[in-house]
Protein backbone atom coordinates (compact mmCIF):
# COMPACT_ATOMS: atom_id res chain seq x y z
CA MET A 1 71.53 121.35 64.66
CA ASN A 2 71.27 123.26 67.95
CA ASP A 3 68.43 120.93 68.96
CA PHE A 4 70.60 117.87 68.32
CA VAL A 5 71.08 115.77 71.45
CA PRO A 6 73.80 113.20 70.84
CA GLN A 7 73.34 109.64 72.02
CA ILE A 8 76.51 108.56 73.80
CA VAL A 9 77.61 105.22 75.21
CA ALA A 10 80.05 105.34 78.12
CA PHE A 11 82.00 102.33 79.36
CA TYR A 12 83.09 102.63 83.00
CA CYS A 13 85.34 100.35 85.00
CA SER A 14 83.81 98.96 88.16
CA ASN A 15 86.75 100.17 90.23
CA CYS A 16 87.99 103.76 89.87
CA ALA A 17 85.24 105.07 87.60
CA SER A 18 82.45 103.56 89.69
CA ALA A 19 83.98 105.01 92.84
CA ALA A 20 84.17 108.40 91.13
CA ALA A 21 80.50 108.00 90.16
CA ASP A 22 79.63 107.40 93.81
CA VAL A 23 81.53 110.54 94.80
CA ALA A 24 79.70 112.49 92.07
CA GLU A 25 76.37 111.22 93.37
CA GLY A 26 77.32 112.38 96.87
CA LEU A 27 78.09 115.81 95.42
CA LYS A 28 74.69 115.81 93.64
CA LEU A 29 76.43 115.81 90.24
CA GLU A 30 74.80 113.85 87.43
CA LEU A 31 75.68 112.81 83.93
CA PRO A 32 73.56 114.19 81.11
CA ASP A 33 70.49 112.06 80.31
CA ASN A 34 71.76 111.29 76.82
CA ILE A 35 74.57 109.05 78.14
CA LYS A 36 74.06 105.31 78.49
CA ILE A 37 76.46 103.81 81.02
CA ILE A 38 77.86 100.31 80.66
CA ASN A 39 79.77 99.14 83.72
CA VAL A 40 82.61 96.68 83.02
CA PRO A 41 84.89 94.82 85.45
CA CYS A 42 87.96 96.38 83.80
CA THR A 43 88.34 98.60 80.76
CA GLY A 44 91.02 96.19 79.54
CA ARG A 45 88.22 93.69 78.85
CA ILE A 46 86.58 95.99 76.31
CA GLU A 47 87.26 94.64 72.84
CA ILE A 48 87.32 96.53 69.54
CA LEU A 49 83.92 95.10 68.62
CA HIS A 50 82.43 96.51 71.84
CA LEU A 51 83.72 99.96 70.89
CA LEU A 52 82.39 99.79 67.32
CA LYS A 53 78.99 98.23 68.03
CA PRO A 54 77.41 101.40 69.54
CA PHE A 55 78.20 103.31 66.33
CA GLU A 56 76.62 100.54 64.27
CA LYS A 57 73.53 100.74 66.50
CA GLY A 58 73.28 104.52 65.99
CA ALA A 59 75.22 106.06 68.87
CA ASP A 60 76.77 109.42 68.05
CA GLY A 61 79.73 109.00 70.40
CA VAL A 62 81.48 106.56 72.72
CA TYR A 63 83.85 107.04 75.59
CA VAL A 64 85.67 104.88 78.09
CA ALA A 65 86.47 105.95 81.65
CA GLY A 66 88.94 103.85 83.56
CA CYS A 67 91.59 103.91 86.22
CA GLN A 68 94.72 105.97 86.17
CA GLU A 69 97.68 104.00 84.83
CA ASP A 70 99.34 103.75 88.22
CA SER A 71 96.21 102.57 90.03
CA CYS A 72 94.63 100.00 87.70
CA ARG A 73 93.52 97.06 89.80
CA TYR A 74 94.43 94.72 86.95
CA THR A 75 97.74 96.53 86.26
CA SER A 76 97.34 97.19 82.53
CA GLY A 77 93.63 97.48 81.74
CA ILE A 78 93.63 101.18 80.92
CA ASN A 79 96.69 100.77 78.67
CA LYS A 80 94.99 97.96 76.74
CA VAL A 81 91.86 99.98 76.09
CA LYS A 82 93.87 103.06 75.08
CA LYS A 83 95.51 101.02 72.32
CA ARG A 84 92.14 99.64 71.23
CA VAL A 85 90.56 103.09 71.13
CA GLU A 86 93.43 104.35 68.96
CA TYR A 87 92.83 101.42 66.59
CA VAL A 88 89.10 102.17 66.49
CA LYS A 89 89.87 105.80 65.65
CA LYS A 90 91.75 104.57 62.57
CA ILE A 91 88.81 102.36 61.57
CA LEU A 92 86.40 105.29 61.98
CA GLU A 93 88.62 107.46 59.76
CA GLN A 94 88.52 104.76 57.07
CA LEU A 95 84.72 104.80 57.36
CA GLU A 96 84.78 108.61 57.04
CA ILE A 97 83.51 109.03 60.61
CA ASP A 98 85.26 111.67 62.70
CA PRO A 99 87.56 109.87 65.19
CA ARG A 100 86.83 112.52 67.83
CA ARG A 101 83.57 110.65 68.40
CA ILE A 102 85.45 108.17 70.60
CA GLU A 103 87.76 108.85 73.53
CA VAL A 104 89.31 107.21 76.56
CA PHE A 105 89.83 108.93 79.91
CA SER A 106 91.65 107.99 83.11
CA LEU A 107 90.30 109.24 86.38
CA SER A 108 90.92 108.98 90.07
CA ALA A 109 88.45 107.09 92.24
CA SER A 110 87.94 110.21 94.36
CA ASN A 111 87.28 112.63 91.49
CA GLY A 112 83.50 112.83 91.26
CA GLN A 113 83.68 116.26 89.63
CA GLU A 114 85.77 114.88 86.75
CA PHE A 115 83.34 111.96 86.38
CA ALA A 116 80.50 114.42 85.77
CA ASN A 117 82.66 116.69 83.59
CA LEU A 118 83.53 113.83 81.21
CA GLY A 119 79.90 113.36 80.26
CA VAL A 120 79.38 117.05 79.64
CA LYS A 121 82.67 117.30 77.71
CA MET A 122 81.82 114.40 75.40
CA SER A 123 78.24 115.62 74.91
CA GLU A 124 79.49 119.04 73.83
CA ARG A 125 82.17 117.57 71.58
CA VAL A 126 79.81 115.18 69.83
CA ARG A 127 77.05 117.80 69.57
CA SER A 128 79.52 120.00 67.65
CA LEU A 129 80.21 117.11 65.25
CA GLY A 130 76.53 116.50 64.54
CA PRO A 131 74.75 113.18 64.17
CA ASN A 132 76.62 109.96 63.45
CA PRO A 133 76.89 109.84 59.64
CA ALA A 134 76.48 106.05 59.76
CA LYS A 135 72.94 106.40 61.17
CA GLY A 136 70.07 105.59 58.96
């Protein structure tokens, strides 16, 4: 399992997370190659189906990166997605899939280092869990 490279889908808001990505790029920091980024106008627009679909398609993990609660451009987007991620964790448990395969993070627009760290953190976490048991 040491050779296992997890396939991860990451949803990023086009405000804080995208700005953090730009800072990371300026610092020459990159996400691991195994992460597919999906940019969304606001994390609050991500529905439960959007969070579950990557698992159905074979992804090993999913994470959402959005604004900090006090700086969300749309005031409550990050809070909406946090509730949806918690609901999806319950669904995954019912499907006997480890709920640690999905997570939501808030980050500052200026924190490029954290942007890069999130990808590494989720890759390591999901690698330790092994392949998505729903694959196949």
